[in-house]
Amino acid sequence: MSATDQNDAGLTTSILEVSGMTCGHCVKSVTEELGRIEGARNVEVALVSGGVSKVLVSSVGALDPAAVAAAIDEAGYELVTQP
């Protein structure tokens, strides 16, 4: 994860960099997989076709880095910044 921040609502936001995403289906796959992680509340993707996309995950507390890496892998993409 490249960065984490805590907002006023008590949620932590993690910013991930993911490569290989090219379309709306990619966004849906990553969003669904990350949304299954314990504590995850919201997933937003800034798609960069042909490049590295930014993925923001809001969660209650810090996310488990192994769970994040596994979710990205399960969706079929590559986590650029290792958690």
PDB file of N, CA and C in Angstrom:
ATOM      1  N   MET A   1       0.845  -1.151   0.000  1.00  0.00           N
ATOM      2  CA  MET A   1       0.000   0.000   0.000  1.00  0.00           C
ATOM      3  C   MET A   1       0.894   1.218   0.000  1.00  0.00           C
ATOM      4  N   SER A   2       0.558   2.159  -0.794  1.00  0.00           N
ATOM      5  CA  SER A   2       1.448   3.300  -0.881  1.00  0.00           C
ATOM      6  C   SER A   2       1.181   4.329   0.193  1.00  0.00           C
ATOM      7  N   ALA A   3      -0.031   4.399   0.720  1.00  0.00           N
ATOM      8  CA  ALA A   3      -0.317   5.393   1.747  1.00  0.00           C
ATOM      9  C   ALA A   3      -1.579   5.007   2.488  1.00  0.00           C
ATOM     10  N   THR A   4      -1.666   5.447   3.740  1.00  0.00           N
ATOM     11  CA  THR A   4      -2.895   5.305   4.496  1.00  0.00           C
ATOM     12  C   THR A   4      -3.164   6.614   5.211  1.00  0.00           C
ATOM     13  N   ASP A   5      -4.438   6.881   5.440  1.00  0.00           N
ATOM     14  CA  ASP A   5      -4.849   8.109   6.095  1.00  0.00           C
ATOM     15  C   ASP A   5      -6.134   7.824   6.850  1.00  0.00           C
ATOM     16  N   GLN A   6      -6.341   8.473   7.991  1.00  0.00           N
ATOM     17  CA  GLN A   6      -7.568   8.284   8.739  1.00  0.00           C
ATOM     18  C   GLN A   6      -8.404   9.551   8.627  1.00  0.00           C
ATOM     19  N   ASN A   7      -9.712   9.378   8.274  1.00  0.00           N
ATOM     20  CA  ASN A   7     -10.583  10.541   8.131  1.00  0.00           C
ATOM     21  C   ASN A   7     -11.389  10.777   9.401  1.00  0.00           C
ATOM     22  N   ASP A   8     -12.227  11.811   9.379  1.00  0.00           N
ATOM     23  CA  ASP A   8     -13.003  12.198  10.551  1.00  0.00           C
ATOM     24  C   ASP A   8     -14.028  11.152  10.971  1.00  0.00           C
ATOM     25  N   ALA A   9     -14.461  10.301  10.057  1.00  0.00           N
ATOM     26  CA  ALA A   9     -15.447   9.273  10.377  1.00  0.00           C
ATOM     27  C   ALA A   9     -14.800   8.052  11.034  1.00  0.00           C
ATOM     28  N   GLY A  10     -13.496   8.095  11.261  1.00  0.00           N
ATOM     29  CA  GLY A  10     -12.805   6.983  11.886  1.00  0.00           C
ATOM     30  C   GLY A  10     -12.405   5.887  10.918  1.00  0.00           C
ATOM     31  N   LEU A  11     -12.592   6.124   9.631  1.00  0.00           N
ATOM     32  CA  LEU A  11     -12.192   5.138   8.631  1.00  0.00           C
ATOM     33  C   LEU A  11     -10.771   5.418   8.164  1.00  0.00           C
ATOM     34  N   THR A  12     -10.056   4.373   7.856  1.00  0.00           N
ATOM     35  CA  THR A  12      -8.713   4.478   7.304  1.00  0.00           C
ATOM     36  C   THR A  12      -8.811   4.308   5.797  1.00  0.00           C
ATOM     37  N   THR A  13      -8.128   5.154   5.050  1.00  0.00           N
ATOM     38  CA  THR A  13      -8.114   5.041   3.595  1.00  0.00           C
ATOM     39  C   THR A  13      -6.738   4.589   3.146  1.00  0.00           C
ATOM     40  N   SER A  14      -6.713   3.474   2.424  1.00  0.00           N
ATOM     41  CA  SER A  14      -5.472   2.948   1.872  1.00  0.00           C
ATOM     42  C   SER A  14      -5.458   3.224   0.376  1.00  0.00           C
ATOM     43  N   ILE A  15      -4.332   3.691  -0.130  1.00  0.00           N
ATOM     44  CA  ILE A  15      -4.181   3.962  -1.557  1.00  0.00           C
ATOM     45  C   ILE A  15      -3.276   2.893  -2.144  1.00  0.00           C
ATOM     46  N   LEU A  16      -3.846   2.119  -3.078  1.00  0.00           N
ATOM     47  CA  LEU A  16      -3.115   1.033  -3.718  1.00  0.00           C
ATOM     48  C   LEU A  16      -2.805   1.395  -5.156  1.00  0.00           C
ATOM     49  N   GLU A  17      -1.764   0.817  -5.708  1.00  0.00           N
ATOM     50  CA  GLU A  17      -1.437   0.957  -7.123  1.00  0.00           C
ATOM     51  C   GLU A  17      -1.539  -0.427  -7.747  1.00  0.00           C
ATOM     52  N   VAL A  18      -2.380  -0.533  -8.784  1.00  0.00           N
ATOM     53  CA  VAL A  18      -2.669  -1.825  -9.406  1.00  0.00           C
ATOM     54  C   VAL A  18      -2.454  -1.716 -10.909  1.00  0.00           C
ATOM     55  N   SER A  19      -1.753  -2.679 -11.496  1.00  0.00           N
ATOM     56  CA  SER A  19      -1.547  -2.667 -12.943  1.00  0.00           C
ATOM     57  C   SER A  19      -2.361  -3.776 -13.601  1.00  0.00           C
ATOM     58  N   GLY A  20      -2.618  -3.589 -14.897  1.00  0.00           N
ATOM     59  CA  GLY A  20      -3.313  -4.592 -15.680  1.00  0.00           C
ATOM     60  C   GLY A  20      -4.789  -4.331 -15.874  1.00  0.00           C
ATOM     61  N   MET A  21      -5.328  -3.319 -15.223  1.00  0.00           N
ATOM     62  CA  MET A  21      -6.749  -3.006 -15.348  1.00  0.00           C
ATOM     63  C   MET A  21      -6.962  -2.148 -16.596  1.00  0.00           C
ATOM     64  N   THR A  22      -7.968  -2.498 -17.404  1.00  0.00           N
ATOM     65  CA  THR A  22      -8.171  -1.761 -18.654  1.00  0.00           C
ATOM     66  C   THR A  22      -9.613  -1.326 -18.901  1.00  0.00           C
ATOM     67  N   CYS A  23     -10.581  -1.811 -18.099  1.00  0.00           N
ATOM     68  CA  CYS A  23     -11.980  -1.544 -18.427  1.00  0.00           C
ATOM     69  C   CYS A  23     -12.863  -1.592 -17.186  1.00  0.00           C
ATOM     70  N   GLY A  24     -14.147  -1.364 -17.413  1.00  0.00           N
ATOM     71  CA  GLY A  24     -15.115  -1.400 -16.329  1.00  0.00           C
ATOM     72  C   GLY A  24     -15.223  -2.761 -15.664  1.00  0.00           C
ATOM     73  N   HIS A  25     -15.060  -3.818 -16.442  1.00  0.00           N
ATOM     74  CA  HIS A  25     -15.091  -5.171 -15.860  1.00  0.00           C
ATOM     75  C   HIS A  25     -13.924  -5.352 -14.890  1.00  0.00           C
ATOM     76  N   CYS A  26     -12.767  -4.820 -15.240  1.00  0.00           N
ATOM     77  CA  CYS A  26     -11.593  -4.886 -14.355  1.00  0.00           C
ATOM     78  C   CYS A  26     -11.895  -4.179 -13.037  1.00  0.00           C
ATOM     79  N   VAL A  27     -12.483  -2.996 -13.148  1.00  0.00           N
ATOM     80  CA  VAL A  27     -12.837  -2.212 -11.963  1.00  0.00           C
ATOM     81  C   VAL A  27     -13.794  -3.008 -11.082  1.00  0.00           C
ATOM     82  N   LYS A  28     -14.804  -3.612 -11.695  1.00  0.00           N
ATOM     83  CA  LYS A  28     -15.790  -4.390 -10.946  1.00  0.00           C
ATOM     84  C   LYS A  28     -15.129  -5.561 -10.227  1.00  0.00           C
ATOM     85  N   SER A  29     -14.255  -6.276 -10.896  1.00  0.00           N
ATOM     86  CA  SER A  29     -13.572  -7.429 -10.294  1.00  0.00           C
ATOM     87  C   SER A  29     -12.749  -7.024  -9.083  1.00  0.00           C
ATOM     88  N   VAL A  30     -11.961  -5.981  -9.240  1.00  0.00           N
ATOM     89  CA  VAL A  30     -11.106  -5.516  -8.144  1.00  0.00           C
ATOM     90  C   VAL A  30     -11.964  -4.990  -6.994  1.00  0.00           C
ATOM     91  N   THR A  31     -12.997  -4.224  -7.321  1.00  0.00           N
ATOM     92  CA  THR A  31     -13.883  -3.674  -6.298  1.00  0.00           C
ATOM     93  C   THR A  31     -14.544  -4.784  -5.485  1.00  0.00           C
ATOM     94  N   GLU A  32     -15.042  -5.810  -6.165  1.00  0.00           N
ATOM     95  CA  GLU A  32     -15.696  -6.923  -5.471  1.00  0.00           C
ATOM     96  C   GLU A  32     -14.724  -7.682  -4.573  1.00  0.00           C
ATOM     97  N   GLU A  33     -13.545  -7.979  -5.082  1.00  0.00           N
ATOM     98  CA  GLU A  33     -12.566  -8.750  -4.287  1.00  0.00           C
ATOM     99  C   GLU A  33     -12.103  -7.959  -3.063  1.00  0.00           C
ATOM    100  N   LEU A  34     -11.773  -6.686  -3.257  1.00  0.00           N
ATOM    101  CA  LEU A  34     -11.327  -5.883  -2.114  1.00  0.00           C
ATOM    102  C   LEU A  34     -12.457  -5.646  -1.132  1.00  0.00           C
ATOM    103  N   GLY A  35     -13.681  -5.551  -1.618  1.00  0.00           N
ATOM    104  CA  GLY A  35     -14.836  -5.344  -0.755  1.00  0.00           C
ATOM    105  C   GLY A  35     -15.116  -6.521   0.169  1.00  0.00           C
ATOM    106  N   ARG A  36     -14.570  -7.673  -0.130  1.00  0.00           N
ATOM    107  CA  ARG A  36     -14.753  -8.867   0.694  1.00  0.00           C
ATOM    108  C   ARG A  36     -13.791  -8.933   1.875  1.00  0.00           C
ATOM    109  N   ILE A  37     -12.796  -8.067   1.883  1.00  0.00           N
ATOM    110  CA  ILE A  37     -11.811  -8.078   2.968  1.00  0.00           C
ATOM    111  C   ILE A  37     -12.463  -7.568   4.251  1.00  0.00           C
ATOM    112  N   GLU A  38     -12.166  -8.243   5.344  1.00  0.00           N
ATOM    113  CA  GLU A  38     -12.728  -7.846   6.632  1.00  0.00           C
ATOM    114  C   GLU A  38     -12.381  -6.392   6.944  1.00  0.00           C
ATOM    115  N   GLY A  39     -13.390  -5.610   7.256  1.00  0.00           N
ATOM    116  CA  GLY A  39     -13.212  -4.207   7.612  1.00  0.00           C
ATOM    117  C   GLY A  39     -13.366  -3.233   6.467  1.00  0.00           C
ATOM    118  N   ALA A  40     -13.304  -3.714   5.221  1.00  0.00           N
ATOM    119  CA  ALA A  40     -13.434  -2.821   4.059  1.00  0.00           C
ATOM    120  C   ALA A  40     -14.853  -2.260   3.995  1.00  0.00           C
ATOM    121  N   ARG A  41     -14.961  -0.960   3.758  1.00  0.00           N
ATOM    122  CA  ARG A  41     -16.269  -0.311   3.696  1.00  0.00           C
ATOM    123  C   ARG A  41     -16.567   0.289   2.327  1.00  0.00           C
ATOM    124  N   ASN A  42     -15.558   0.786   1.627  1.00  0.00           N
ATOM    125  CA  ASN A  42     -15.768   1.438   0.338  1.00  0.00           C
ATOM    126  C   ASN A  42     -14.510   1.278  -0.507  1.00  0.00           C
ATOM    127  N   VAL A  43     -14.723   1.011  -1.806  1.00  0.00           N
ATOM    128  CA  VAL A  43     -13.606   0.874  -2.741  1.00  0.00           C
ATOM    129  C   VAL A  43     -13.870   1.797  -3.922  1.00  0.00           C
ATOM    130  N   GLU A  44     -12.892   2.629  -4.257  1.00  0.00           N
ATOM    131  CA  GLU A  44     -12.990   3.522  -5.407  1.00  0.00           C
ATOM    132  C   GLU A  44     -11.768   3.296  -6.291  1.00  0.00           C
ATOM    133  N   VAL A  45     -12.001   3.250  -7.611  1.00  0.00           N
ATOM    134  CA  VAL A  45     -10.915   3.002  -8.552  1.00  0.00           C
ATOM    135  C   VAL A  45     -10.797   4.159  -9.527  1.00  0.00           C
ATOM    136  N   ALA A  46      -9.581   4.682  -9.689  1.00  0.00           N
ATOM    137  CA  ALA A  46      -9.271   5.661 -10.726  1.00  0.00           C
ATOM    138  C   ALA A  46      -8.541   4.894 -11.818  1.00  0.00           C
ATOM    139  N   LEU A  47      -9.309   4.440 -12.815  1.00  0.00           N
ATOM    140  CA  LEU A  47      -8.784   3.582 -13.871  1.00  0.00           C
ATOM    141  C   LEU A  47      -7.858   4.346 -14.802  1.00  0.00           C
ATOM    142  N   VAL A  48      -6.678   3.775 -15.029  1.00  0.00           N
ATOM    143  CA  VAL A  48      -5.725   4.293 -16.005  1.00  0.00           C
ATOM    144  C   VAL A  48      -5.435   3.148 -16.956  1.00  0.00           C
ATOM    145  N   SER A  49      -6.133   3.121 -18.082  1.00  0.00           N
ATOM    146  CA  SER A  49      -5.978   2.029 -19.036  1.00  0.00           C
ATOM    147  C   SER A  49      -4.557   2.019 -19.590  1.00  0.00           C
ATOM    148  N   GLY A  50      -3.909   0.870 -19.506  1.00  0.00           N
ATOM    149  CA  GLY A  50      -2.547   0.744 -20.009  1.00  0.00           C
ATOM    150  C   GLY A  50      -1.499   1.250 -19.046  1.00  0.00           C
ATOM    151  N   GLY A  51      -1.907   1.606 -17.836  1.00  0.00           N
ATOM    152  CA  GLY A  51      -0.960   2.109 -16.859  1.00  0.00           C
ATOM    153  C   GLY A  51      -1.276   1.569 -15.476  1.00  0.00           C
ATOM    154  N   VAL A  52      -0.865   2.304 -14.473  1.00  0.00           N
ATOM    155  CA  VAL A  52      -1.081   1.904 -13.093  1.00  0.00           C
ATOM    156  C   VAL A  52      -2.275   2.677 -12.553  1.00  0.00           C
ATOM    157  N   SER A  53      -3.305   1.951 -12.146  1.00  0.00           N
ATOM    158  CA  SER A  53      -4.519   2.559 -11.612  1.00  0.00           C
ATOM    159  C   SER A  53      -4.393   2.744 -10.110  1.00  0.00           C
ATOM    160  N   LYS A  54      -5.038   3.782  -9.596  1.00  0.00           N
ATOM    161  CA  LYS A  54      -5.080   4.035  -8.157  1.00  0.00           C
ATOM    162  C   LYS A  54      -6.380   3.458  -7.610  1.00  0.00           C
ATOM    163  N   VAL A  55      -6.281   2.754  -6.507  1.00  0.00           N
ATOM    164  CA  VAL A  55      -7.444   2.167  -5.857  1.00  0.00           C
ATOM    165  C   VAL A  55      -7.456   2.649  -4.409  1.00  0.00           C
ATOM    166  N   LEU A  56      -8.546   3.274  -3.994  1.00  0.00           N
ATOM    167  CA  LEU A  56      -8.701   3.758  -2.632  1.00  0.00           C
ATOM    168  C   LEU A  56      -9.655   2.827  -1.906  1.00  0.00           C
ATOM    169  N   VAL A  57      -9.219   2.333  -0.755  1.00  0.00           N
ATOM    170  CA  VAL A  57     -10.050   1.442   0.046  1.00  0.00           C
ATOM    171  C   VAL A  57     -10.234   2.074   1.419  1.00  0.00           C
ATOM    172  N   SER A  58     -11.481   2.392   1.763  1.00  0.00           N
ATOM    173  CA  SER A  58     -11.800   2.893   3.095  1.00  0.00           C
ATOM    174  C   SER A  58     -12.150   1.698   3.962  1.00  0.00           C
ATOM    175  N   SER A  59     -11.615   1.682   5.169  1.00  0.00           N
ATOM    176  CA  SER A  59     -11.836   0.530   6.038  1.00  0.00           C
ATOM    177  C   SER A  59     -11.859   0.957   7.492  1.00  0.00           C
ATOM    178  N   VAL A  60     -12.411   0.072   8.303  1.00  0.00           N
ATOM    179  CA  VAL A  60     -12.363   0.240   9.747  1.00  0.00           C
ATOM    180  C   VAL A  60     -11.031  -0.344  10.176  1.00  0.00           C
ATOM    181  N   GLY A  61     -10.089   0.507  10.518  1.00  0.00           N
ATOM    182  CA  GLY A  61      -8.752   0.040  10.875  1.00  0.00           C
ATOM    183  C   GLY A  61      -7.929  -0.286   9.644  1.00  0.00           C
ATOM    184  N   ALA A  62      -6.706  -0.683   9.875  1.00  0.00           N
ATOM    185  CA  ALA A  62      -5.797  -1.019   8.777  1.00  0.00           C
ATOM    186  C   ALA A  62      -6.185  -2.358   8.160  1.00  0.00           C
ATOM    187  N   LEU A  63      -6.019  -2.466   6.860  1.00  0.00           N
ATOM    188  CA  LEU A  63      -6.287  -3.720   6.157  1.00  0.00           C
ATOM    189  C   LEU A  63      -5.107  -4.668   6.299  1.00  0.00           C
ATOM    190  N   ASP A  64      -5.403  -5.950   6.279  1.00  0.00           N
ATOM    191  CA  ASP A  64      -4.371  -6.977   6.326  1.00  0.00           C
ATOM    192  C   ASP A  64      -3.639  -6.976   4.984  1.00  0.00           C
ATOM    193  N   PRO A  65      -2.341  -6.665   4.949  1.00  0.00           N
ATOM    194  CA  PRO A  65      -1.601  -6.615   3.691  1.00  0.00           C
ATOM    195  C   PRO A  65      -1.668  -7.914   2.884  1.00  0.00           C
ATOM    196  N   ALA A  66      -1.643  -9.051   3.554  1.00  0.00           N
ATOM    197  CA  ALA A  66      -1.727 -10.335   2.848  1.00  0.00           C
ATOM    198  C   ALA A  66      -3.090 -10.501   2.189  1.00  0.00           C
ATOM    199  N   ALA A  67      -4.148 -10.043   2.861  1.00  0.00           N
ATOM    200  CA  ALA A  67      -5.501 -10.131   2.309  1.00  0.00           C
ATOM    201  C   ALA A  67      -5.641  -9.222   1.100  1.00  0.00           C
ATOM    202  N   VAL A  68      -5.027  -8.047   1.161  1.00  0.00           N
ATOM    203  CA  VAL A  68      -5.063  -7.111   0.025  1.00  0.00           C
ATOM    204  C   VAL A  68      -4.361  -7.725  -1.177  1.00  0.00           C
ATOM    205  N   ALA A  69      -3.163  -8.242  -0.969  1.00  0.00           N
ATOM    206  CA  ALA A  69      -2.401  -8.850  -2.062  1.00  0.00           C
ATOM    207  C   ALA A  69      -3.153 -10.034  -2.655  1.00  0.00           C
ATOM    208  N   ALA A  70      -3.762 -10.860  -1.799  1.00  0.00           N
ATOM    209  CA  ALA A  70      -4.515 -12.020  -2.275  1.00  0.00           C
ATOM    210  C   ALA A  70      -5.748 -11.598  -3.072  1.00  0.00           C
ATOM    211  N   ALA A  71      -6.427 -10.539  -2.636  1.00  0.00           N
ATOM    212  CA  ALA A  71      -7.629 -10.062  -3.327  1.00  0.00           C
ATOM    213  C   ALA A  71      -7.287  -9.540  -4.714  1.00  0.00           C
ATOM    214  N   ILE A  72      -6.214  -8.780  -4.824  1.00  0.00           N
ATOM    215  CA  ILE A  72      -5.790  -8.253  -6.128  1.00  0.00           C
ATOM    216  C   ILE A  72      -5.394  -9.403  -7.043  1.00  0.00           C
ATOM    217  N   ASP A  73      -4.674 -10.377  -6.506  1.00  0.00           N
ATOM    218  CA  ASP A  73      -4.261 -11.544  -7.281  1.00  0.00           C
ATOM    219  C   ASP A  73      -5.478 -12.354  -7.732  1.00  0.00           C
ATOM    220  N   GLU A  74      -6.432 -12.548  -6.842  1.00  0.00           N
ATOM    221  CA  GLU A  74      -7.647 -13.310  -7.158  1.00  0.00           C
ATOM    222  C   GLU A  74      -8.435 -12.635  -8.283  1.00  0.00           C
ATOM    223  N   ALA A  75      -8.415 -11.303  -8.302  1.00  0.00           N
ATOM    224  CA  ALA A  75      -9.117 -10.563  -9.356  1.00  0.00           C
ATOM    225  C   ALA A  75      -8.366 -10.657 -10.689  1.00  0.00           C
ATOM    226  N   GLY A  76      -7.097 -11.076 -10.641  1.00  0.00           N
ATOM    227  CA  GLY A  76      -6.326 -11.269 -11.860  1.00  0.00           C
ATOM    228  C   GLY A  76      -5.421 -10.101 -12.241  1.00  0.00           C
ATOM    229  N   TYR A  77      -5.069  -9.282 -11.265  1.00  0.00           N
ATOM    230  CA  TYR A  77      -4.249  -8.105 -11.541  1.00  0.00           C
ATOM    231  C   TYR A  77      -3.022  -8.097 -10.639  1.00  0.00           C
ATOM    232  N   GLU A  78      -2.165  -7.110 -10.837  1.00  0.00           N
ATOM    233  CA  GLU A  78      -0.903  -7.059 -10.095  1.00  0.00           C
ATOM    234  C   GLU A  78      -0.866  -5.845  -9.187  1.00  0.00           C
ATOM    235  N   LEU A  79      -0.582  -6.103  -7.913  1.00  0.00           N
ATOM    236  CA  LEU A  79      -0.398  -5.037  -6.951  1.00  0.00           C
ATOM    237  C   LEU A  79       1.016  -4.496  -7.145  1.00  0.00           C
ATOM    238  N   VAL A  80       1.134  -3.239  -7.551  1.00  0.00           N
ATOM    239  CA  VAL A  80       2.434  -2.655  -7.871  1.00  0.00           C
ATOM    240  C   VAL A  80       3.201  -2.330  -6.600  1.00  0.00           C
ATOM    241  N   THR A  81       2.555  -1.694  -5.643  1.00  0.00           N
ATOM    242  CA  THR A  81       3.203  -1.390  -4.379  1.00  0.00           C
ATOM    243  C   THR A  81       2.840  -2.492  -3.406  1.00  0.00           C
ATOM    244  N   GLN A  82       3.834  -3.179  -2.905  1.00  0.00           N
ATOM    245  CA  GLN A  82       3.576  -4.295  -1.989  1.00  0.00           C
ATOM    246  C   GLN A  82       3.130  -3.779  -0.643  1.00  0.00           C
ATOM    247  N   PRO A  83       2.082  -4.400  -0.093  1.00  0.00           N
ATOM    248  CA  PRO A  83       1.594  -3.960   1.233  1.00  0.00           C
ATOM    249  C   PRO A  83       2.570  -4.315   2.329  1.00  0.00           C
TER     250      PRO A  83
END
